[in-house]
Amino acid sequence: MKQSISLLVVLVAMLTFSQCSVNRQLAEAKVLGDCKYSVASADSIFLSGIDVRQFKKLDDINPLKYPQLAAGVFAKSVPLSARLNLDIYNPTNRKAGINQLEYKILLADQELFNGFLNQRIEVPAGGGTTRVPVRLRANAFQLLTDEKTRDAFANFIQSLSGGNNAQPSKLTIKIKPTLALGGKKVNYPGFITIDQEMTSKLLLGK
């Protein structure tokens, strides 16, 4: 009888702890929606293995000048990689936190990157800031060859390289916290959207 009572106490304690854990995850994820987001810097940006800082003017983004870029266009595979350092600022009096983020990054309403960030992210309450590095990889073939996105993508590369007369390019960053509850993934309702101007200053972290 004593063993049965002890087992019941343990089960009740486990269920209570589990419920508290679920409530805590939900509360911390909700606070992320009240946080402020910005891209602090960008680095390691390569197009077909070429540092984008080499593309100072529109004519530089020319497959005839770069054999690896020409080969990529021919094969319809133009690797684009980058790292964005995302700052999350928490103005509330509650801690924000999540274990996984889904992200989408768009240029001229066309998706550049998408993926999941699988790491614990916590942002302290009361004005705390956390920097989250996000590594990105994509195939830029369509962006380079589609007339709807070609000019916007060329301007994006130029603005990052500090090219003459380059206009700032706007990226739209969408993130969605994902919760792990009872072995199932539950998505935050809707995406948190950040519009960010991209310029060469971001490569210097200024």
N, C-alpha and C. Protein backbone atom coordinates (compact mmCIF):
# COMPACT_ATOMS: atom_id res chain seq x y z
N MET A 1 0.84 -1.22 0.00
CA MET A 1 0.00 0.00 0.00
C MET A 1 0.87 1.26 0.00
N LYS A 2 1.91 1.22 0.88
CA LYS A 2 2.81 2.39 0.95
C LYS A 2 3.52 2.61 -0.38
N GLN A 3 3.89 1.49 -1.05
CA GLN A 3 4.56 1.60 -2.34
C GLN A 3 3.65 2.23 -3.38
N SER A 4 2.36 1.86 -3.35
CA SER A 4 1.39 2.42 -4.31
C SER A 4 1.22 3.92 -4.10
N ILE A 5 1.17 4.32 -2.83
CA ILE A 5 1.02 5.75 -2.52
C ILE A 5 2.27 6.52 -2.98
N SER A 6 3.45 5.93 -2.73
CA SER A 6 4.70 6.58 -3.13
C SER A 6 4.76 6.74 -4.64
N LEU A 7 4.33 5.69 -5.38
CA LEU A 7 4.33 5.74 -6.83
C LEU A 7 3.38 6.82 -7.33
N LEU A 8 2.20 6.91 -6.70
CA LEU A 8 1.22 7.92 -7.07
C LEU A 8 1.78 9.33 -6.85
N VAL A 9 2.48 9.53 -5.74
CA VAL A 9 3.08 10.84 -5.45
C VAL A 9 4.11 11.20 -6.52
N VAL A 10 4.92 10.20 -6.90
CA VAL A 10 5.94 10.44 -7.92
C VAL A 10 5.30 10.81 -9.26
N LEU A 11 4.24 10.08 -9.64
CA LEU A 11 3.56 10.35 -10.90
C LEU A 11 2.94 11.74 -10.92
N VAL A 12 2.30 12.11 -9.80
CA VAL A 12 1.69 13.44 -9.71
C VAL A 12 2.77 14.52 -9.81
N ALA A 13 3.91 14.29 -9.14
CA ALA A 13 5.01 15.25 -9.19
C ALA A 13 5.54 15.39 -10.60
N MET A 14 5.67 14.25 -11.31
CA MET A 14 6.18 14.28 -12.69
C MET A 14 5.22 15.04 -13.60
N LEU A 15 3.92 14.78 -13.46
CA LEU A 15 2.93 15.46 -14.29
C LEU A 15 2.91 16.96 -14.01
N THR A 16 3.05 17.32 -12.73
CA THR A 16 3.07 18.74 -12.34
C THR A 16 4.29 19.42 -12.93
N PHE A 17 5.45 18.74 -12.84
CA PHE A 17 6.68 19.30 -13.39
C PHE A 17 6.58 19.46 -14.90
N SER A 18 5.99 18.45 -15.57
CA SER A 18 5.83 18.50 -17.03
C SER A 18 4.95 19.67 -17.44
N GLN A 19 3.84 19.86 -16.71
CA GLN A 19 2.93 20.96 -17.02
C GLN A 19 3.60 22.30 -16.80
N CYS A 20 4.39 22.38 -15.71
CA CYS A 20 5.11 23.63 -15.44
C CYS A 20 6.11 23.93 -16.55
N SER A 21 6.78 22.86 -17.04
CA SER A 21 7.75 23.02 -18.12
C SER A 21 7.08 23.51 -19.40
N VAL A 22 5.91 22.95 -19.71
CA VAL A 22 5.14 23.38 -20.89
C VAL A 22 4.74 24.84 -20.76
N ASN A 23 4.21 25.20 -19.59
CA ASN A 23 3.77 26.58 -19.38
C ASN A 23 4.95 27.55 -19.48
N ARG A 24 6.11 27.14 -18.98
CA ARG A 24 7.29 28.01 -19.03
C ARG A 24 7.73 28.21 -20.47
N GLN A 25 7.77 27.11 -21.26
CA GLN A 25 8.15 27.23 -22.67
C GLN A 25 7.22 28.16 -23.42
N LEU A 26 5.92 27.99 -23.18
CA LEU A 26 4.93 28.84 -23.85
C LEU A 26 5.11 30.31 -23.48
N ALA A 27 5.35 30.58 -22.18
CA ALA A 27 5.50 31.95 -21.71
C ALA A 27 6.75 32.59 -22.30
N GLU A 28 7.87 31.85 -22.31
CA GLU A 28 9.12 32.40 -22.84
C GLU A 28 9.04 32.63 -24.34
N ALA A 29 8.37 31.72 -25.06
CA ALA A 29 8.21 31.89 -26.50
C ALA A 29 7.33 33.09 -26.82
N LYS A 30 6.30 33.29 -25.99
CA LYS A 30 5.40 34.44 -26.21
C LYS A 30 6.14 35.75 -26.07
N VAL A 31 7.09 35.83 -25.13
CA VAL A 31 7.87 37.05 -24.93
C VAL A 31 8.71 37.38 -26.15
N LEU A 32 9.13 36.36 -26.90
CA LEU A 32 9.91 36.61 -28.12
C LEU A 32 9.16 37.50 -29.10
N GLY A 33 7.83 37.37 -29.09
CA GLY A 33 7.02 38.22 -29.96
C GLY A 33 7.06 39.67 -29.58
N ASP A 34 7.45 39.98 -28.33
CA ASP A 34 7.54 41.36 -27.87
C ASP A 34 8.96 41.91 -27.95
N CYS A 35 9.90 41.09 -28.40
CA CYS A 35 11.30 41.52 -28.52
C CYS A 35 11.52 42.33 -29.80
N LYS A 36 12.64 43.04 -29.85
CA LYS A 36 13.04 43.82 -31.02
C LYS A 36 14.20 43.11 -31.70
N TYR A 37 14.18 43.10 -33.04
CA TYR A 37 15.16 42.35 -33.81
C TYR A 37 15.89 43.26 -34.80
N SER A 38 17.19 43.00 -34.97
CA SER A 38 17.96 43.73 -35.99
C SER A 38 19.17 42.89 -36.39
N VAL A 39 19.63 43.09 -37.64
CA VAL A 39 20.86 42.44 -38.09
C VAL A 39 22.02 43.33 -37.71
N ALA A 40 22.86 42.85 -36.78
CA ALA A 40 23.99 43.65 -36.31
C ALA A 40 25.12 43.65 -37.33
N SER A 41 25.34 42.53 -37.98
CA SER A 41 26.42 42.45 -38.97
C SER A 41 26.18 41.22 -39.85
N ALA A 42 26.91 41.19 -40.95
CA ALA A 42 26.88 40.05 -41.86
C ALA A 42 28.31 39.78 -42.30
N ASP A 43 28.65 38.52 -42.41
CA ASP A 43 30.01 38.20 -42.85
C ASP A 43 30.03 36.87 -43.59
N SER A 44 31.21 36.54 -44.11
CA SER A 44 31.40 35.27 -44.83
C SER A 44 30.36 35.10 -45.94
N ILE A 45 30.18 36.17 -46.73
CA ILE A 45 29.19 36.12 -47.81
C ILE A 45 29.91 35.78 -49.12
N PHE A 46 29.56 34.62 -49.67
CA PHE A 46 30.23 34.13 -50.88
C PHE A 46 29.18 33.71 -51.91
N LEU A 47 29.47 34.04 -53.17
CA LEU A 47 28.64 33.63 -54.31
C LEU A 47 29.51 32.76 -55.20
N SER A 48 29.18 31.49 -55.32
CA SER A 48 30.01 30.52 -56.04
C SER A 48 31.46 30.57 -55.56
N GLY A 49 31.63 30.72 -54.25
CA GLY A 49 32.96 30.75 -53.67
C GLY A 49 33.69 32.07 -53.80
N ILE A 50 33.03 33.08 -54.37
CA ILE A 50 33.66 34.40 -54.58
C ILE A 50 33.17 35.35 -53.49
N ASP A 51 34.09 36.01 -52.83
CA ASP A 51 33.74 37.00 -51.81
C ASP A 51 32.96 38.13 -52.48
N VAL A 52 31.77 38.46 -51.98
CA VAL A 52 30.92 39.45 -52.63
C VAL A 52 31.55 40.84 -52.64
N ARG A 53 32.57 41.07 -51.82
CA ARG A 53 33.22 42.37 -51.81
C ARG A 53 33.97 42.65 -53.11
N GLN A 54 34.14 41.62 -53.94
CA GLN A 54 34.79 41.81 -55.24
C GLN A 54 33.85 42.42 -56.27
N PHE A 55 32.55 42.36 -56.00
CA PHE A 55 31.56 42.85 -56.97
C PHE A 55 31.24 44.31 -56.70
N LYS A 56 32.08 45.21 -57.18
CA LYS A 56 31.92 46.64 -56.90
C LYS A 56 30.92 47.32 -57.83
N LYS A 57 30.68 46.74 -58.99
CA LYS A 57 29.71 47.33 -59.92
C LYS A 57 28.95 46.21 -60.60
N LEU A 58 27.87 46.59 -61.29
CA LEU A 58 26.96 45.60 -61.87
C LEU A 58 27.67 44.67 -62.83
N ASP A 59 28.58 45.22 -63.63
CA ASP A 59 29.28 44.40 -64.62
C ASP A 59 30.17 43.33 -63.98
N ASP A 60 30.53 43.53 -62.71
CA ASP A 60 31.38 42.54 -62.05
C ASP A 60 30.66 41.22 -61.82
N ILE A 61 29.34 41.27 -61.70
CA ILE A 61 28.56 40.04 -61.49
C ILE A 61 28.31 39.43 -62.87
N ASN A 62 29.39 38.98 -63.47
CA ASN A 62 29.38 38.54 -64.86
C ASN A 62 30.02 37.16 -64.93
N PRO A 63 29.27 36.14 -65.34
CA PRO A 63 29.83 34.79 -65.42
C PRO A 63 31.06 34.70 -66.31
N LEU A 64 31.19 35.61 -67.30
CA LEU A 64 32.34 35.57 -68.20
C LEU A 64 33.64 35.94 -67.49
N LYS A 65 33.53 36.67 -66.37
CA LYS A 65 34.72 37.09 -65.63
C LYS A 65 35.13 36.06 -64.58
N TYR A 66 34.21 35.19 -64.21
CA TYR A 66 34.48 34.23 -63.15
C TYR A 66 34.07 32.83 -63.63
N PRO A 67 35.05 31.98 -63.96
CA PRO A 67 34.72 30.64 -64.48
C PRO A 67 33.81 29.84 -63.55
N GLN A 68 34.04 29.95 -62.22
CA GLN A 68 33.21 29.16 -61.30
C GLN A 68 31.77 29.65 -61.30
N LEU A 69 31.57 30.94 -61.53
CA LEU A 69 30.21 31.47 -61.62
C LEU A 69 29.55 31.01 -62.91
N ALA A 70 30.31 31.01 -64.01
CA ALA A 70 29.79 30.53 -65.29
C ALA A 70 29.41 29.06 -65.20
N ALA A 71 30.26 28.27 -64.55
CA ALA A 71 29.97 26.84 -64.40
C ALA A 71 28.71 26.63 -63.57
N GLY A 72 28.55 27.45 -62.54
CA GLY A 72 27.37 27.34 -61.70
C GLY A 72 26.09 27.69 -62.45
N VAL A 73 26.14 28.75 -63.26
CA VAL A 73 24.98 29.14 -64.05
C VAL A 73 24.63 28.03 -65.04
N PHE A 74 25.66 27.46 -65.69
CA PHE A 74 25.43 26.38 -66.65
C PHE A 74 24.79 25.17 -65.98
N ALA A 75 25.24 24.88 -64.75
CA ALA A 75 24.71 23.72 -64.02
C ALA A 75 23.46 24.05 -63.23
N LYS A 76 23.02 25.31 -63.28
CA LYS A 76 21.86 25.79 -62.53
C LYS A 76 22.05 25.60 -61.03
N SER A 77 23.30 25.76 -60.59
CA SER A 77 23.63 25.64 -59.17
C SER A 77 24.67 26.71 -58.82
N VAL A 78 24.19 27.80 -58.21
CA VAL A 78 25.06 28.92 -57.85
C VAL A 78 25.00 29.07 -56.32
N PRO A 79 25.94 28.46 -55.61
CA PRO A 79 25.88 28.49 -54.14
C PRO A 79 26.04 29.90 -53.59
N LEU A 80 25.14 30.25 -52.70
CA LEU A 80 25.22 31.50 -51.96
C LEU A 80 25.25 31.16 -50.48
N SER A 81 26.26 31.66 -49.78
CA SER A 81 26.36 31.38 -48.35
C SER A 81 26.67 32.66 -47.60
N ALA A 82 26.23 32.72 -46.37
CA ALA A 82 26.43 33.93 -45.56
C ALA A 82 26.21 33.59 -44.10
N ARG A 83 26.64 34.52 -43.25
CA ARG A 83 26.30 34.44 -41.83
C ARG A 83 25.74 35.79 -41.41
N LEU A 84 24.53 35.76 -40.87
CA LEU A 84 23.92 36.95 -40.32
C LEU A 84 23.98 36.88 -38.79
N ASN A 85 24.39 37.96 -38.18
CA ASN A 85 24.42 38.04 -36.73
C ASN A 85 23.21 38.85 -36.27
N LEU A 86 22.22 38.14 -35.74
CA LEU A 86 20.94 38.72 -35.39
C LEU A 86 20.92 39.11 -33.92
N ASP A 87 20.63 40.38 -33.64
CA ASP A 87 20.50 40.85 -32.27
C ASP A 87 19.03 40.82 -31.85
N ILE A 88 18.77 40.25 -30.67
CA ILE A 88 17.41 40.21 -30.12
C ILE A 88 17.43 40.98 -28.80
N TYR A 89 16.63 42.04 -28.75
CA TYR A 89 16.56 42.91 -27.57
C TYR A 89 15.23 42.70 -26.86
N ASN A 90 15.29 42.49 -25.56
CA ASN A 90 14.09 42.19 -24.78
C ASN A 90 13.74 43.37 -23.86
N PRO A 91 12.74 44.18 -24.20
CA PRO A 91 12.39 45.34 -23.38
C PRO A 91 11.44 45.00 -22.23
N THR A 92 11.00 43.75 -22.16
CA THR A 92 9.99 43.39 -21.16
C THR A 92 10.65 43.01 -19.83
N ASN A 93 9.82 42.74 -18.83
CA ASN A 93 10.33 42.31 -17.53
C ASN A 93 10.25 40.79 -17.37
N ARG A 94 10.15 40.08 -18.50
CA ARG A 94 10.08 38.62 -18.50
C ARG A 94 11.15 38.05 -19.43
N LYS A 95 11.71 36.92 -19.07
CA LYS A 95 12.73 36.29 -19.90
C LYS A 95 12.11 35.71 -21.16
N ALA A 96 12.81 35.86 -22.29
CA ALA A 96 12.39 35.24 -23.54
C ALA A 96 13.31 34.06 -23.82
N GLY A 97 12.76 33.00 -24.39
CA GLY A 97 13.58 31.84 -24.68
C GLY A 97 12.89 30.87 -25.61
N ILE A 98 13.71 30.10 -26.32
CA ILE A 98 13.19 29.09 -27.24
C ILE A 98 14.32 28.11 -27.55
N ASN A 99 13.95 26.90 -27.95
CA ASN A 99 14.96 25.89 -28.29
C ASN A 99 15.17 25.74 -29.79
N GLN A 100 14.24 26.22 -30.59
CA GLN A 100 14.36 26.08 -32.04
C GLN A 100 13.62 27.23 -32.74
N LEU A 101 14.22 27.72 -33.83
CA LEU A 101 13.60 28.77 -34.64
C LEU A 101 13.53 28.32 -36.09
N GLU A 102 12.38 28.51 -36.71
CA GLU A 102 12.28 28.40 -38.16
C GLU A 102 12.50 29.79 -38.74
N TYR A 103 13.22 29.89 -39.86
CA TYR A 103 13.44 31.21 -40.45
C TYR A 103 13.26 31.17 -41.97
N LYS A 104 12.85 32.31 -42.49
CA LYS A 104 12.78 32.55 -43.93
C LYS A 104 13.33 33.94 -44.19
N ILE A 105 14.13 34.09 -45.25
CA ILE A 105 14.70 35.39 -45.60
C ILE A 105 14.36 35.65 -47.06
N LEU A 106 13.74 36.82 -47.30
CA LEU A 106 13.24 37.15 -48.63
C LEU A 106 13.90 38.41 -49.16
N LEU A 107 14.10 38.44 -50.48
CA LEU A 107 14.58 39.61 -51.20
C LEU A 107 13.63 39.84 -52.37
N ALA A 108 13.08 41.06 -52.45
CA ALA A 108 12.11 41.39 -53.51
C ALA A 108 10.98 40.36 -53.52
N ASP A 109 10.52 40.00 -52.34
CA ASP A 109 9.41 39.06 -52.16
C ASP A 109 9.72 37.65 -52.64
N GLN A 110 11.01 37.38 -52.94
CA GLN A 110 11.42 36.04 -53.32
C GLN A 110 12.28 35.44 -52.21
N GLU A 111 12.01 34.19 -51.89
CA GLU A 111 12.72 33.56 -50.78
C GLU A 111 14.18 33.29 -51.14
N LEU A 112 15.09 33.80 -50.29
CA LEU A 112 16.52 33.57 -50.46
C LEU A 112 16.98 32.35 -49.68
N PHE A 113 16.62 32.31 -48.42
CA PHE A 113 17.06 31.25 -47.51
C PHE A 113 15.88 30.78 -46.67
N ASN A 114 15.98 29.55 -46.22
CA ASN A 114 15.04 29.05 -45.21
C ASN A 114 15.71 27.93 -44.44
N GLY A 115 15.24 27.69 -43.25
CA GLY A 115 15.82 26.61 -42.47
C GLY A 115 15.41 26.69 -41.01
N PHE A 116 16.09 25.89 -40.18
CA PHE A 116 15.83 25.84 -38.75
C PHE A 116 17.13 26.10 -37.99
N LEU A 117 17.02 26.83 -36.92
CA LEU A 117 18.14 27.06 -36.01
C LEU A 117 17.88 26.24 -34.76
N ASN A 118 18.67 25.18 -34.58
CA ASN A 118 18.46 24.27 -33.45
C ASN A 118 19.46 24.58 -32.34
N GLN A 119 19.13 25.52 -31.51
CA GLN A 119 19.95 25.83 -30.35
C GLN A 119 19.11 26.60 -29.34
N ARG A 120 19.51 26.51 -28.08
CA ARG A 120 18.79 27.23 -27.03
C ARG A 120 19.11 28.71 -27.13
N ILE A 121 18.07 29.54 -27.20
CA ILE A 121 18.22 30.99 -27.25
C ILE A 121 17.50 31.58 -26.06
N GLU A 122 18.21 32.37 -25.26
CA GLU A 122 17.60 33.06 -24.13
C GLU A 122 17.95 34.53 -24.19
N VAL A 123 16.96 35.38 -23.90
CA VAL A 123 17.18 36.83 -23.86
C VAL A 123 16.72 37.32 -22.50
N PRO A 124 17.65 37.81 -21.67
CA PRO A 124 17.29 38.24 -20.32
C PRO A 124 16.26 39.37 -20.32
N ALA A 125 15.49 39.42 -19.26
CA ALA A 125 14.49 40.49 -19.11
C ALA A 125 15.17 41.82 -18.82
N GLY A 126 14.37 42.89 -18.94
CA GLY A 126 14.84 44.21 -18.55
C GLY A 126 15.90 44.81 -19.44
N GLY A 127 15.76 44.66 -20.75
CA GLY A 127 16.71 45.26 -21.68
C GLY A 127 17.87 44.37 -22.06
N GLY A 128 17.76 43.08 -21.81
CA GLY A 128 18.82 42.15 -22.19
C GLY A 128 18.89 41.98 -23.70
N THR A 129 20.10 41.73 -24.21
CA THR A 129 20.31 41.52 -25.64
C THR A 129 21.11 40.25 -25.86
N THR A 130 20.71 39.47 -26.82
CA THR A 130 21.42 38.25 -27.19
C THR A 130 21.71 38.29 -28.69
N ARG A 131 22.95 37.95 -29.06
CA ARG A 131 23.32 37.89 -30.48
C ARG A 131 23.30 36.44 -30.94
N VAL A 132 22.60 36.21 -32.03
CA VAL A 132 22.43 34.85 -32.54
C VAL A 132 23.01 34.77 -33.95
N PRO A 133 24.10 34.03 -34.16
CA PRO A 133 24.62 33.85 -35.52
C PRO A 133 23.77 32.85 -36.29
N VAL A 134 23.38 33.22 -37.50
CA VAL A 134 22.55 32.35 -38.34
C VAL A 134 23.31 32.09 -39.64
N ARG A 135 23.70 30.84 -39.86
CA ARG A 135 24.42 30.48 -41.08
C ARG A 135 23.42 30.11 -42.17
N LEU A 136 23.64 30.66 -43.37
CA LEU A 136 22.67 30.54 -44.44
C LEU A 136 23.33 29.94 -45.68
N ARG A 137 22.59 29.08 -46.36
CA ARG A 137 23.04 28.50 -47.62
C ARG A 137 21.85 28.39 -48.57
N ALA A 138 22.09 28.72 -49.85
CA ALA A 138 21.01 28.66 -50.82
C ALA A 138 21.59 28.56 -52.23
N ASN A 139 20.70 28.24 -53.18
CA ASN A 139 21.06 28.25 -54.59
C ASN A 139 20.52 29.54 -55.20
N ALA A 140 21.43 30.41 -55.67
CA ALA A 140 21.04 31.73 -56.17
C ALA A 140 20.79 31.73 -57.68
N PHE A 141 20.71 30.57 -58.29
CA PHE A 141 20.57 30.52 -59.76
C PHE A 141 19.35 31.30 -60.24
N GLN A 142 18.19 31.03 -59.65
CA GLN A 142 16.97 31.70 -60.10
C GLN A 142 17.04 33.20 -59.87
N LEU A 143 17.62 33.60 -58.74
CA LEU A 143 17.74 35.03 -58.45
C LEU A 143 18.61 35.74 -59.47
N LEU A 144 19.62 35.04 -59.98
CA LEU A 144 20.53 35.63 -60.96
C LEU A 144 19.95 35.68 -62.36
N THR A 145 19.06 34.74 -62.68
CA THR A 145 18.61 34.60 -64.06
C THR A 145 17.17 35.05 -64.30
N ASP A 146 16.37 35.14 -63.25
CA ASP A 146 14.98 35.56 -63.40
C ASP A 146 14.92 37.08 -63.49
N GLU A 147 14.27 37.60 -64.54
CA GLU A 147 14.22 39.05 -64.73
C GLU A 147 13.47 39.77 -63.61
N LYS A 148 12.64 39.03 -62.87
CA LYS A 148 11.90 39.63 -61.77
C LYS A 148 12.79 39.89 -60.56
N THR A 149 13.86 39.14 -60.44
CA THR A 149 14.71 39.26 -59.25
C THR A 149 16.15 39.65 -59.57
N ARG A 150 16.56 39.58 -60.83
CA ARG A 150 17.97 39.79 -61.20
C ARG A 150 18.50 41.14 -60.74
N ASP A 151 17.75 42.20 -61.03
CA ASP A 151 18.22 43.55 -60.68
C ASP A 151 18.29 43.73 -59.16
N ALA A 152 17.27 43.22 -58.46
CA ALA A 152 17.24 43.35 -57.00
C ALA A 152 18.40 42.58 -56.38
N PHE A 153 18.71 41.40 -56.92
CA PHE A 153 19.80 40.60 -56.37
C PHE A 153 21.14 41.25 -56.67
N ALA A 154 21.31 41.78 -57.89
CA ALA A 154 22.56 42.47 -58.24
C ALA A 154 22.76 43.68 -57.34
N ASN A 155 21.69 44.41 -57.07
CA ASN A 155 21.79 45.58 -56.20
C ASN A 155 22.10 45.17 -54.76
N PHE A 156 21.55 44.03 -54.35
CA PHE A 156 21.82 43.49 -53.02
C PHE A 156 23.32 43.19 -52.85
N ILE A 157 23.90 42.52 -53.84
CA ILE A 157 25.32 42.19 -53.79
C ILE A 157 26.17 43.46 -53.82
N GLN A 158 25.79 44.42 -54.67
CA GLN A 158 26.53 45.67 -54.75
C GLN A 158 26.47 46.46 -53.45
N SER A 159 25.30 46.49 -52.84
CA SER A 159 25.15 47.26 -51.60
C SER A 159 26.01 46.68 -50.49
N LEU A 160 26.18 45.36 -50.48
CA LEU A 160 27.03 44.73 -49.47
C LEU A 160 28.51 44.96 -49.76
N SER A 161 28.86 45.06 -51.04
CA SER A 161 30.28 45.22 -51.40
C SER A 161 30.73 46.67 -51.31
N GLY A 162 29.77 47.61 -51.13
CA GLY A 162 30.15 49.02 -51.08
C GLY A 162 30.38 49.60 -52.46
N GLY A 163 29.71 49.05 -53.45
CA GLY A 163 29.88 49.51 -54.82
C GLY A 163 29.40 50.93 -55.03
N ASN A 164 29.94 51.56 -56.05
CA ASN A 164 29.58 52.94 -56.36
C ASN A 164 28.09 53.05 -56.69
N ASN A 165 27.45 54.05 -56.09
CA ASN A 165 26.04 54.37 -56.35
C ASN A 165 25.08 53.23 -55.98
N ALA A 166 25.55 52.30 -55.20
CA ALA A 166 24.66 51.20 -54.78
C ALA A 166 23.63 51.71 -53.78
N GLN A 167 22.39 51.29 -53.99
CA GLN A 167 21.31 51.66 -53.10
C GLN A 167 21.13 50.56 -52.04
N PRO A 168 20.79 50.95 -50.81
CA PRO A 168 20.56 49.91 -49.78
C PRO A 168 19.47 48.94 -50.23
N SER A 169 19.69 47.67 -49.95
CA SER A 169 18.71 46.65 -50.28
C SER A 169 17.98 46.23 -49.01
N LYS A 170 16.70 45.94 -49.16
CA LYS A 170 15.90 45.55 -48.01
C LYS A 170 15.67 44.04 -48.01
N LEU A 171 16.07 43.41 -46.93
CA LEU A 171 15.75 42.01 -46.71
C LEU A 171 14.56 41.92 -45.76
N THR A 172 13.71 40.96 -46.00
CA THR A 172 12.63 40.65 -45.07
C THR A 172 12.98 39.33 -44.38
N ILE A 173 13.09 39.38 -43.07
CA ILE A 173 13.44 38.20 -42.28
C ILE A 173 12.21 37.78 -41.49
N LYS A 174 11.83 36.53 -41.64
CA LYS A 174 10.67 36.00 -40.91
C LYS A 174 11.16 34.85 -40.02
N ILE A 175 10.82 34.93 -38.74
CA ILE A 175 11.20 33.86 -37.83
C ILE A 175 9.97 33.36 -37.07
N LYS A 176 10.00 32.08 -36.75
CA LYS A 176 8.89 31.47 -36.02
C LYS A 176 9.45 30.52 -34.96
N PRO A 177 9.26 30.83 -33.68
CA PRO A 177 9.69 29.89 -32.64
C PRO A 177 8.94 28.57 -32.74
N THR A 178 9.66 27.48 -32.47
CA THR A 178 9.05 26.15 -32.46
C THR A 178 9.24 25.54 -31.09
N LEU A 179 8.19 25.02 -30.51
CA LEU A 179 8.22 24.43 -29.18
C LEU A 179 8.22 22.91 -29.27
N ALA A 180 8.92 22.26 -28.35
CA ALA A 180 8.89 20.80 -28.24
C ALA A 180 8.06 20.45 -27.02
N LEU A 181 6.85 20.00 -27.25
CA LEU A 181 5.92 19.71 -26.16
C LEU A 181 5.44 18.26 -26.26
N GLY A 182 5.80 17.48 -25.28
CA GLY A 182 5.35 16.09 -25.26
C GLY A 182 5.78 15.29 -26.47
N GLY A 183 7.00 15.57 -26.97
CA GLY A 183 7.50 14.84 -28.12
C GLY A 183 6.98 15.36 -29.45
N LYS A 184 6.15 16.40 -29.41
CA LYS A 184 5.61 17.00 -30.63
C LYS A 184 6.09 18.43 -30.77
N LYS A 185 6.22 18.90 -32.03
CA LYS A 185 6.62 20.27 -32.30
C LYS A 185 5.39 21.14 -32.51
N VAL A 186 5.35 22.23 -31.79
CA VAL A 186 4.23 23.17 -31.89
C VAL A 186 4.77 24.51 -32.33
N ASN A 187 4.28 25.02 -33.44
CA ASN A 187 4.77 26.28 -33.98
C ASN A 187 4.10 27.49 -33.33
N TYR A 188 4.89 28.53 -33.14
CA TYR A 188 4.37 29.82 -32.70
C TYR A 188 3.35 30.31 -33.74
N PRO A 189 2.23 30.91 -33.32
CA PRO A 189 1.23 31.34 -34.30
C PRO A 189 1.73 32.51 -35.15
N GLY A 190 1.99 32.25 -36.42
CA GLY A 190 2.45 33.30 -37.33
C GLY A 190 3.95 33.53 -37.22
N PHE A 191 4.47 34.32 -38.18
CA PHE A 191 5.88 34.66 -38.21
C PHE A 191 6.11 36.03 -37.59
N ILE A 192 7.26 36.19 -36.96
CA ILE A 192 7.73 37.51 -36.53
C ILE A 192 8.52 38.07 -37.71
N THR A 193 8.15 39.25 -38.19
CA THR A 193 8.74 39.81 -39.41
C THR A 193 9.67 40.98 -39.09
N ILE A 194 10.86 40.95 -39.70
CA ILE A 194 11.84 42.02 -39.54
C ILE A 194 12.24 42.51 -40.93
N ASP A 195 12.13 43.80 -41.17
CA ASP A 195 12.62 44.40 -42.41
C ASP A 195 13.94 45.08 -42.11
N GLN A 196 14.99 44.73 -42.87
CA GLN A 196 16.34 45.21 -42.58
C GLN A 196 17.01 45.72 -43.85
N GLU A 197 17.53 46.96 -43.79
CA GLU A 197 18.34 47.47 -44.89
C GLU A 197 19.73 46.87 -44.82
N MET A 198 20.22 46.38 -45.96
CA MET A 198 21.54 45.76 -46.02
C MET A 198 22.49 46.68 -46.77
N THR A 199 23.58 47.06 -46.11
CA THR A 199 24.60 47.91 -46.72
C THR A 199 25.97 47.34 -46.41
N SER A 200 27.00 47.93 -47.02
CA SER A 200 28.37 47.46 -46.78
C SER A 200 28.78 47.63 -45.34
N LYS A 201 28.14 48.56 -44.60
CA LYS A 201 28.49 48.78 -43.19
C LYS A 201 28.23 47.52 -42.35
N LEU A 202 27.27 46.70 -42.80
CA LEU A 202 26.98 45.48 -42.06
C LEU A 202 28.14 44.49 -42.12
N LEU A 203 28.91 44.53 -43.22
CA LEU A 203 30.06 43.65 -43.32
C LEU A 203 31.13 44.04 -42.32
N LEU A 204 31.11 45.28 -41.88
CA LEU A 204 32.09 45.77 -40.91
C LEU A 204 31.53 45.77 -39.50
N GLY A 205 30.23 45.40 -39.39
CA GLY A 205 29.59 45.38 -38.08
C GLY A 205 29.41 46.76 -37.49
N LYS A 206 29.19 47.79 -38.34
CA LYS A 206 29.03 49.16 -37.86
C LYS A 206 27.58 49.61 -38.00
